[in-house]
Amino acid sequence: MNQPSFSNKTVSREYAFKFIYKLFLKDFSMEKEKMVSDSIVMDQAILEFEDSYIKEDEEHLDNELNPSIQNYAKTLISGYVAKEAQVIDLIGTFLQKRSFSSIGNIEKAVLTLGVYELQFTETPSKVVINEYINLAKKFGTKESFAFINGILDKVNKETK
């Protein structure tokens, strides 16, 4: 199987981020519970999300997902969902005077995927941290990227 190119992995991360972000929204909590316990439900949710992601509208003018992007995004999504409790617990150990629940949903999605990728994949840590800082800059508040950088850097330095 071909490894996704750098730009494909960037697109895969953004796609996975958007999917995971959706799972942090209260409206999707029941769907998330079902996905955790049933891989068929997970696969169906990803397919439905893909359809909405590539459907051209005002928000998605030119989204395309080649198989390489789809495969890596699915790997990130399913890997994170399987390790969610472990990832959130690890993030919690690095939050100062905050709880995980107090973090905004965008930051939760960026952090959880970033920590998952740092801890459970072979991707170089510098690449992971840079990619998730860029996602925070693109989708988060002005302060988000510094917060994300700080947590990911601590996780990387203190757990490897």
N, C-alpha and C. Protein backbone atom coordinates (compact mmCIF):
# COMPACT_ATOMS: atom_id res chain seq x y z
N MET A 1 0.85 -1.19 0.00
CA MET A 1 0.00 0.00 0.00
C MET A 1 0.89 1.24 0.00
N ASN A 2 0.56 2.21 -0.81
CA ASN A 2 1.33 3.44 -0.87
C ASN A 2 1.10 4.28 0.36
N GLN A 3 2.18 4.86 0.86
CA GLN A 3 2.06 5.80 1.98
C GLN A 3 1.56 7.14 1.44
N PRO A 4 0.67 7.81 2.17
CA PRO A 4 0.21 9.12 1.70
C PRO A 4 1.37 10.10 1.64
N SER A 5 1.34 10.98 0.64
CA SER A 5 2.36 12.02 0.57
C SER A 5 2.14 13.02 1.69
N PHE A 6 3.11 13.90 1.89
CA PHE A 6 3.01 14.88 2.97
C PHE A 6 1.72 15.69 2.86
N SER A 7 1.41 16.18 1.66
CA SER A 7 0.21 17.01 1.51
C SER A 7 -1.05 16.18 1.72
N ASN A 8 -1.03 14.91 1.31
CA ASN A 8 -2.18 14.04 1.56
C ASN A 8 -2.38 13.83 3.06
N LYS A 9 -1.29 13.67 3.80
CA LYS A 9 -1.42 13.49 5.24
C LYS A 9 -1.95 14.76 5.90
N THR A 10 -1.57 15.91 5.39
CA THR A 10 -2.10 17.17 5.91
C THR A 10 -3.60 17.23 5.71
N VAL A 11 -4.05 16.88 4.52
CA VAL A 11 -5.48 16.86 4.23
C VAL A 11 -6.18 15.80 5.09
N SER A 12 -5.54 14.66 5.26
CA SER A 12 -6.11 13.59 6.10
C SER A 12 -6.30 14.07 7.53
N ARG A 13 -5.32 14.78 8.04
CA ARG A 13 -5.43 15.29 9.42
C ARG A 13 -6.58 16.29 9.56
N GLU A 14 -6.73 17.16 8.57
CA GLU A 14 -7.82 18.12 8.63
C GLU A 14 -9.17 17.41 8.56
N TYR A 15 -9.27 16.44 7.70
CA TYR A 15 -10.50 15.65 7.58
C TYR A 15 -10.80 14.95 8.91
N ALA A 16 -9.79 14.28 9.47
CA ALA A 16 -9.97 13.58 10.75
C ALA A 16 -10.33 14.57 11.86
N PHE A 17 -9.69 15.74 11.86
CA PHE A 17 -10.01 16.77 12.85
C PHE A 17 -11.48 17.15 12.77
N LYS A 18 -11.98 17.38 11.57
CA LYS A 18 -13.39 17.79 11.41
C LYS A 18 -14.33 16.69 11.89
N PHE A 19 -13.98 15.44 11.63
CA PHE A 19 -14.80 14.33 12.09
C PHE A 19 -14.79 14.24 13.62
N ILE A 20 -13.61 14.31 14.20
CA ILE A 20 -13.50 14.22 15.67
C ILE A 20 -14.15 15.43 16.33
N TYR A 21 -14.01 16.60 15.74
CA TYR A 21 -14.67 17.80 16.27
C TYR A 21 -16.17 17.54 16.40
N LYS A 22 -16.75 16.97 15.36
CA LYS A 22 -18.18 16.67 15.36
C LYS A 22 -18.55 15.79 16.56
N LEU A 23 -17.67 14.86 16.89
CA LEU A 23 -17.96 13.94 18.00
C LEU A 23 -17.97 14.64 19.36
N PHE A 24 -17.32 15.78 19.46
CA PHE A 24 -17.32 16.53 20.72
C PHE A 24 -18.57 17.39 20.88
N LEU A 25 -19.36 17.51 19.84
CA LEU A 25 -20.60 18.27 19.93
C LEU A 25 -21.66 17.43 20.63
N LYS A 26 -22.43 18.05 21.50
CA LYS A 26 -23.42 17.31 22.29
C LYS A 26 -24.41 16.55 21.42
N ASP A 27 -24.78 17.10 20.29
CA ASP A 27 -25.76 16.45 19.41
C ASP A 27 -25.30 15.08 18.91
N PHE A 28 -24.01 14.81 18.97
CA PHE A 28 -23.49 13.56 18.43
C PHE A 28 -22.99 12.60 19.50
N SER A 29 -23.29 12.85 20.76
CA SER A 29 -22.79 11.99 21.84
C SER A 29 -23.33 10.56 21.74
N MET A 30 -24.58 10.40 21.34
CA MET A 30 -25.14 9.06 21.18
C MET A 30 -24.46 8.32 20.03
N GLU A 31 -24.24 9.02 18.93
CA GLU A 31 -23.57 8.43 17.78
C GLU A 31 -22.16 7.98 18.17
N LYS A 32 -21.48 8.80 18.95
CA LYS A 32 -20.12 8.47 19.39
C LYS A 32 -20.12 7.19 20.21
N GLU A 33 -21.05 7.07 21.13
CA GLU A 33 -21.13 5.87 21.97
C GLU A 33 -21.32 4.61 21.12
N LYS A 34 -22.16 4.71 20.11
CA LYS A 34 -22.41 3.57 19.23
C LYS A 34 -21.16 3.22 18.43
N MET A 35 -20.44 4.24 17.96
CA MET A 35 -19.23 4.01 17.16
C MET A 35 -18.15 3.32 17.95
N VAL A 36 -18.03 3.67 19.21
CA VAL A 36 -16.98 3.09 20.04
C VAL A 36 -17.19 1.58 20.18
N SER A 37 -18.44 1.16 20.24
CA SER A 37 -18.71 -0.25 20.48
C SER A 37 -18.99 -1.07 19.22
N ASP A 38 -19.09 -0.42 18.08
CA ASP A 38 -19.47 -1.14 16.86
C ASP A 38 -18.72 -0.59 15.65
N SER A 39 -17.79 -1.37 15.12
CA SER A 39 -16.97 -0.89 14.00
C SER A 39 -17.80 -0.67 12.73
N ILE A 40 -18.89 -1.38 12.58
CA ILE A 40 -19.75 -1.17 11.42
C ILE A 40 -20.40 0.21 11.49
N VAL A 41 -20.84 0.58 12.69
CA VAL A 41 -21.41 1.92 12.88
C VAL A 41 -20.33 2.98 12.62
N MET A 42 -19.11 2.72 13.07
CA MET A 42 -17.99 3.63 12.82
C MET A 42 -17.76 3.80 11.32
N ASP A 43 -17.67 2.70 10.60
CA ASP A 43 -17.45 2.77 9.16
C ASP A 43 -18.57 3.53 8.45
N GLN A 44 -19.82 3.29 8.87
CA GLN A 44 -20.96 3.97 8.26
C GLN A 44 -20.90 5.47 8.55
N ALA A 45 -20.55 5.85 9.78
CA ALA A 45 -20.44 7.26 10.13
C ALA A 45 -19.36 7.95 9.31
N ILE A 46 -18.25 7.27 9.10
CA ILE A 46 -17.17 7.84 8.29
C ILE A 46 -17.62 8.00 6.84
N LEU A 47 -18.32 7.02 6.30
CA LEU A 47 -18.82 7.12 4.92
C LEU A 47 -19.80 8.27 4.77
N GLU A 48 -20.70 8.42 5.72
CA GLU A 48 -21.65 9.53 5.67
C GLU A 48 -20.93 10.88 5.75
N PHE A 49 -19.90 10.93 6.62
CA PHE A 49 -19.14 12.16 6.75
C PHE A 49 -18.38 12.46 5.46
N GLU A 50 -17.82 11.43 4.84
CA GLU A 50 -17.13 11.61 3.56
C GLU A 50 -18.06 12.21 2.52
N ASP A 51 -19.27 11.66 2.45
CA ASP A 51 -20.24 12.17 1.47
C ASP A 51 -20.51 13.66 1.69
N SER A 52 -20.71 14.04 2.94
CA SER A 52 -20.99 15.46 3.22
C SER A 52 -19.74 16.31 3.02
N TYR A 53 -18.57 15.75 3.25
CA TYR A 53 -17.31 16.48 3.13
C TYR A 53 -17.01 16.83 1.68
N ILE A 54 -17.26 15.90 0.78
CA ILE A 54 -16.91 16.14 -0.62
C ILE A 54 -18.04 16.78 -1.41
N LYS A 55 -19.23 16.83 -0.85
CA LYS A 55 -20.35 17.47 -1.54
C LYS A 55 -20.07 18.96 -1.65
N GLU A 56 -20.10 19.47 -2.87
CA GLU A 56 -19.76 20.88 -3.08
C GLU A 56 -20.87 21.78 -2.57
N ASP A 57 -20.49 22.72 -1.73
CA ASP A 57 -21.40 23.75 -1.22
C ASP A 57 -20.55 24.97 -0.88
N GLU A 58 -21.13 25.95 -0.20
CA GLU A 58 -20.38 27.17 0.13
C GLU A 58 -19.15 26.89 0.98
N GLU A 59 -19.25 25.93 1.88
CA GLU A 59 -18.13 25.62 2.77
C GLU A 59 -17.10 24.72 2.10
N HIS A 60 -17.53 23.87 1.22
CA HIS A 60 -16.66 22.89 0.58
C HIS A 60 -16.68 23.09 -0.93
N LEU A 61 -15.87 23.99 -1.39
CA LEU A 61 -15.88 24.32 -2.81
C LEU A 61 -15.14 23.31 -3.66
N ASP A 62 -14.06 22.76 -3.16
CA ASP A 62 -13.25 21.88 -3.99
C ASP A 62 -12.63 20.77 -3.16
N ASN A 63 -13.41 20.15 -2.30
CA ASN A 63 -12.88 19.06 -1.48
C ASN A 63 -12.85 17.77 -2.29
N GLU A 64 -11.71 17.16 -2.32
CA GLU A 64 -11.58 15.85 -2.94
C GLU A 64 -10.86 14.96 -1.96
N LEU A 65 -11.27 13.72 -1.93
CA LEU A 65 -10.63 12.75 -1.05
C LEU A 65 -10.18 11.56 -1.89
N ASN A 66 -8.88 11.47 -2.12
CA ASN A 66 -8.39 10.29 -2.82
C ASN A 66 -8.26 9.15 -1.81
N PRO A 67 -8.08 7.92 -2.27
CA PRO A 67 -8.01 6.79 -1.33
C PRO A 67 -6.92 6.92 -0.28
N SER A 68 -5.81 7.53 -0.63
CA SER A 68 -4.72 7.70 0.32
C SER A 68 -5.16 8.60 1.49
N ILE A 69 -5.84 9.69 1.17
CA ILE A 69 -6.35 10.60 2.19
C ILE A 69 -7.38 9.88 3.05
N GLN A 70 -8.30 9.19 2.40
CA GLN A 70 -9.35 8.48 3.12
C GLN A 70 -8.76 7.45 4.09
N ASN A 71 -7.80 6.67 3.61
CA ASN A 71 -7.22 5.61 4.44
C ASN A 71 -6.50 6.17 5.66
N TYR A 72 -5.69 7.20 5.46
CA TYR A 72 -4.96 7.75 6.60
C TYR A 72 -5.91 8.42 7.59
N ALA A 73 -6.90 9.15 7.07
CA ALA A 73 -7.88 9.79 7.95
C ALA A 73 -8.63 8.74 8.76
N LYS A 74 -9.04 7.67 8.11
CA LYS A 74 -9.76 6.60 8.82
C LYS A 74 -8.87 5.96 9.88
N THR A 75 -7.59 5.80 9.58
CA THR A 75 -6.65 5.26 10.56
C THR A 75 -6.57 6.18 11.78
N LEU A 76 -6.48 7.48 11.54
CA LEU A 76 -6.43 8.42 12.66
C LEU A 76 -7.73 8.41 13.47
N ILE A 77 -8.85 8.42 12.78
CA ILE A 77 -10.15 8.47 13.45
C ILE A 77 -10.38 7.21 14.28
N SER A 78 -10.25 6.06 13.66
CA SER A 78 -10.53 4.82 14.38
C SER A 78 -9.50 4.56 15.47
N GLY A 79 -8.25 4.92 15.22
CA GLY A 79 -7.21 4.77 16.24
C GLY A 79 -7.48 5.65 17.44
N TYR A 80 -7.83 6.90 17.17
CA TYR A 80 -8.14 7.81 18.28
C TYR A 80 -9.35 7.32 19.07
N VAL A 81 -10.43 6.95 18.38
CA VAL A 81 -11.64 6.52 19.08
C VAL A 81 -11.34 5.32 19.97
N ALA A 82 -10.52 4.40 19.49
CA ALA A 82 -10.16 3.22 20.28
C ALA A 82 -9.34 3.57 21.52
N LYS A 83 -8.56 4.64 21.45
CA LYS A 83 -7.66 5.03 22.54
C LYS A 83 -8.12 6.30 23.25
N GLU A 84 -9.36 6.72 23.02
CA GLU A 84 -9.83 8.01 23.51
C GLU A 84 -9.61 8.23 25.00
N ALA A 85 -10.01 7.29 25.82
CA ALA A 85 -9.87 7.47 27.28
C ALA A 85 -8.42 7.66 27.67
N GLN A 86 -7.55 6.87 27.10
CA GLN A 86 -6.12 6.97 27.38
C GLN A 86 -5.57 8.33 26.94
N VAL A 87 -5.96 8.78 25.77
CA VAL A 87 -5.49 10.07 25.24
C VAL A 87 -5.98 11.22 26.12
N ILE A 88 -7.25 11.21 26.48
CA ILE A 88 -7.81 12.29 27.30
C ILE A 88 -7.17 12.30 28.69
N ASP A 89 -6.95 11.13 29.26
CA ASP A 89 -6.28 11.06 30.56
C ASP A 89 -4.87 11.65 30.48
N LEU A 90 -4.16 11.33 29.42
CA LEU A 90 -2.80 11.86 29.25
C LEU A 90 -2.83 13.38 29.11
N ILE A 91 -3.74 13.90 28.32
CA ILE A 91 -3.86 15.36 28.17
C ILE A 91 -4.14 15.99 29.52
N GLY A 92 -5.02 15.38 30.29
CA GLY A 92 -5.38 15.91 31.61
C GLY A 92 -4.19 16.07 32.54
N THR A 93 -3.20 15.21 32.41
CA THR A 93 -2.02 15.33 33.27
C THR A 93 -1.18 16.56 32.95
N PHE A 94 -1.38 17.15 31.78
CA PHE A 94 -0.59 18.31 31.38
C PHE A 94 -1.38 19.62 31.42
N LEU A 95 -2.62 19.56 31.78
CA LEU A 95 -3.42 20.78 31.90
C LEU A 95 -3.18 21.39 33.27
N GLN A 96 -2.87 22.65 33.29
CA GLN A 96 -2.62 23.33 34.56
C GLN A 96 -3.85 24.13 34.93
N LYS A 97 -4.41 23.82 36.09
CA LYS A 97 -5.56 24.55 36.62
C LYS A 97 -6.77 24.52 35.69
N ARG A 98 -6.85 23.53 34.82
CA ARG A 98 -7.97 23.38 33.91
C ARG A 98 -8.37 21.92 33.86
N SER A 99 -9.58 21.70 33.46
CA SER A 99 -10.01 20.33 33.19
C SER A 99 -10.20 20.17 31.69
N PHE A 100 -10.19 18.95 31.24
CA PHE A 100 -10.39 18.70 29.82
C PHE A 100 -11.74 19.24 29.36
N SER A 101 -12.75 19.10 30.20
CA SER A 101 -14.09 19.56 29.82
C SER A 101 -14.18 21.07 29.65
N SER A 102 -13.23 21.80 30.21
CA SER A 102 -13.27 23.27 30.09
C SER A 102 -12.65 23.78 28.79
N ILE A 103 -12.05 22.90 28.04
CA ILE A 103 -11.40 23.28 26.78
C ILE A 103 -12.46 23.33 25.68
N GLY A 104 -12.32 24.27 24.76
CA GLY A 104 -13.24 24.37 23.63
C GLY A 104 -13.17 23.13 22.74
N ASN A 105 -14.26 22.86 22.03
CA ASN A 105 -14.32 21.65 21.21
C ASN A 105 -13.29 21.62 20.09
N ILE A 106 -12.97 22.77 19.52
CA ILE A 106 -11.94 22.80 18.48
C ILE A 106 -10.60 22.39 19.08
N GLU A 107 -10.27 22.96 20.22
CA GLU A 107 -9.01 22.62 20.87
C GLU A 107 -8.99 21.15 21.31
N LYS A 108 -10.13 20.64 21.78
CA LYS A 108 -10.20 19.22 22.16
C LYS A 108 -9.88 18.33 20.96
N ALA A 109 -10.50 18.64 19.83
CA ALA A 109 -10.29 17.81 18.64
C ALA A 109 -8.84 17.87 18.17
N VAL A 110 -8.26 19.06 18.15
CA VAL A 110 -6.86 19.21 17.72
C VAL A 110 -5.94 18.49 18.70
N LEU A 111 -6.13 18.72 19.98
CA LEU A 111 -5.26 18.10 20.99
C LEU A 111 -5.36 16.58 20.99
N THR A 112 -6.57 16.07 20.96
CA THR A 112 -6.72 14.62 21.06
C THR A 112 -6.10 13.91 19.85
N LEU A 113 -6.31 14.44 18.67
CA LEU A 113 -5.69 13.83 17.50
C LEU A 113 -4.18 13.98 17.53
N GLY A 114 -3.71 15.15 17.93
CA GLY A 114 -2.27 15.37 18.02
C GLY A 114 -1.61 14.43 19.02
N VAL A 115 -2.21 14.31 20.18
CA VAL A 115 -1.65 13.40 21.20
C VAL A 115 -1.74 11.96 20.72
N TYR A 116 -2.85 11.60 20.11
CA TYR A 116 -2.95 10.23 19.57
C TYR A 116 -1.81 9.97 18.58
N GLU A 117 -1.61 10.90 17.66
CA GLU A 117 -0.58 10.68 16.64
C GLU A 117 0.82 10.68 17.23
N LEU A 118 1.06 11.52 18.22
CA LEU A 118 2.37 11.51 18.90
C LEU A 118 2.64 10.18 19.60
N GLN A 119 1.63 9.66 20.25
CA GLN A 119 1.81 8.49 21.10
C GLN A 119 1.70 7.15 20.38
N PHE A 120 0.92 7.09 19.33
CA PHE A 120 0.58 5.79 18.76
C PHE A 120 0.92 5.61 17.29
N THR A 121 1.65 6.55 16.70
CA THR A 121 2.09 6.39 15.31
C THR A 121 3.60 6.61 15.22
N GLU A 122 4.13 6.34 14.07
CA GLU A 122 5.56 6.50 13.83
C GLU A 122 5.91 7.87 13.24
N THR A 123 4.94 8.74 13.09
CA THR A 123 5.18 10.05 12.50
C THR A 123 6.14 10.84 13.39
N PRO A 124 7.16 11.47 12.82
CA PRO A 124 8.09 12.26 13.63
C PRO A 124 7.35 13.34 14.44
N SER A 125 7.76 13.50 15.68
CA SER A 125 7.06 14.42 16.58
C SER A 125 7.05 15.86 16.08
N LYS A 126 8.13 16.31 15.45
CA LYS A 126 8.15 17.68 14.93
C LYS A 126 7.07 17.89 13.88
N VAL A 127 6.87 16.88 13.04
CA VAL A 127 5.85 16.96 12.00
C VAL A 127 4.47 17.02 12.65
N VAL A 128 4.22 16.13 13.60
CA VAL A 128 2.92 16.07 14.27
C VAL A 128 2.61 17.41 14.94
N ILE A 129 3.54 17.92 15.72
CA ILE A 129 3.31 19.17 16.44
C ILE A 129 3.03 20.31 15.46
N ASN A 130 3.84 20.41 14.41
CA ASN A 130 3.64 21.47 13.42
C ASN A 130 2.28 21.37 12.74
N GLU A 131 1.90 20.16 12.35
CA GLU A 131 0.63 19.97 11.66
C GLU A 131 -0.56 20.38 12.54
N TYR A 132 -0.52 20.02 13.81
CA TYR A 132 -1.65 20.34 14.68
C TYR A 132 -1.65 21.80 15.13
N ILE A 133 -0.48 22.42 15.19
CA ILE A 133 -0.43 23.87 15.42
C ILE A 133 -1.09 24.58 14.23
N ASN A 134 -0.80 24.11 13.03
CA ASN A 134 -1.41 24.71 11.84
C ASN A 134 -2.93 24.54 11.84
N LEU A 135 -3.42 23.39 12.28
CA LEU A 135 -4.87 23.21 12.38
C LEU A 135 -5.47 24.17 13.41
N ALA A 136 -4.77 24.34 14.53
CA ALA A 136 -5.25 25.27 15.55
C ALA A 136 -5.27 26.70 15.01
N LYS A 137 -4.27 27.07 14.26
CA LYS A 137 -4.24 28.42 13.66
C LYS A 137 -5.38 28.60 12.68
N LYS A 138 -5.68 27.57 11.92
CA LYS A 138 -6.71 27.65 10.88
C LYS A 138 -8.13 27.67 11.48
N PHE A 139 -8.37 26.88 12.52
CA PHE A 139 -9.73 26.71 13.01
C PHE A 139 -9.98 27.28 14.41
N GLY A 140 -8.93 27.49 15.18
CA GLY A 140 -9.11 27.93 16.56
C GLY A 140 -9.05 29.44 16.73
N THR A 141 -9.04 29.83 17.99
CA THR A 141 -8.92 31.25 18.32
C THR A 141 -7.47 31.67 18.18
N LYS A 142 -7.21 32.96 18.35
CA LYS A 142 -5.84 33.47 18.24
C LYS A 142 -4.91 32.82 19.27
N GLU A 143 -5.45 32.46 20.43
CA GLU A 143 -4.64 31.89 21.49
C GLU A 143 -4.49 30.37 21.37
N SER A 144 -5.30 29.74 20.55
CA SER A 144 -5.35 28.28 20.48
C SER A 144 -4.01 27.65 20.13
N PHE A 145 -3.34 28.20 19.13
CA PHE A 145 -2.13 27.52 18.67
C PHE A 145 -1.05 27.48 19.73
N ALA A 146 -0.92 28.52 20.55
CA ALA A 146 0.09 28.52 21.61
C ALA A 146 -0.25 27.47 22.67
N PHE A 147 -1.52 27.37 23.01
CA PHE A 147 -1.98 26.37 23.98
C PHE A 147 -1.72 24.96 23.44
N ILE A 148 -2.09 24.72 22.20
CA ILE A 148 -1.89 23.41 21.56
C ILE A 148 -0.40 23.08 21.51
N ASN A 149 0.41 24.05 21.10
CA ASN A 149 1.86 23.86 21.04
C ASN A 149 2.41 23.46 22.41
N GLY A 150 1.99 24.18 23.44
CA GLY A 150 2.49 23.89 24.79
C GLY A 150 2.16 22.49 25.26
N ILE A 151 0.92 22.08 25.07
CA ILE A 151 0.51 20.75 25.52
C ILE A 151 1.19 19.66 24.70
N LEU A 152 1.19 19.78 23.38
CA LEU A 152 1.81 18.76 22.55
C LEU A 152 3.31 18.66 22.82
N ASP A 153 3.97 19.80 23.03
CA ASP A 153 5.39 19.78 23.33
C ASP A 153 5.66 19.08 24.66
N LYS A 154 4.85 19.35 25.67
CA LYS A 154 5.01 18.68 26.97
C LYS A 154 4.78 17.18 26.85
N VAL A 155 3.73 16.80 26.15
CA VAL A 155 3.44 15.36 25.96
C VAL A 155 4.61 14.71 25.26
N ASN A 156 5.13 15.33 24.23
CA ASN A 156 6.24 14.76 23.49
C ASN A 156 7.49 14.62 24.36
N LYS A 157 7.84 15.66 25.09
CA LYS A 157 9.07 15.64 25.89
C LYS A 157 8.98 14.73 27.11
N GLU A 158 7.82 14.64 27.70
CA GLU A 158 7.72 13.94 28.97
C GLU A 158 7.18 12.52 28.87
N THR A 159 6.83 12.08 27.69
CA THR A 159 6.30 10.72 27.58
C THR A 159 7.10 9.84 26.62
N LYS A 160 8.10 10.38 26.00
CA LYS A 160 8.90 9.57 25.04
C LYS A 160 10.16 9.09 25.68
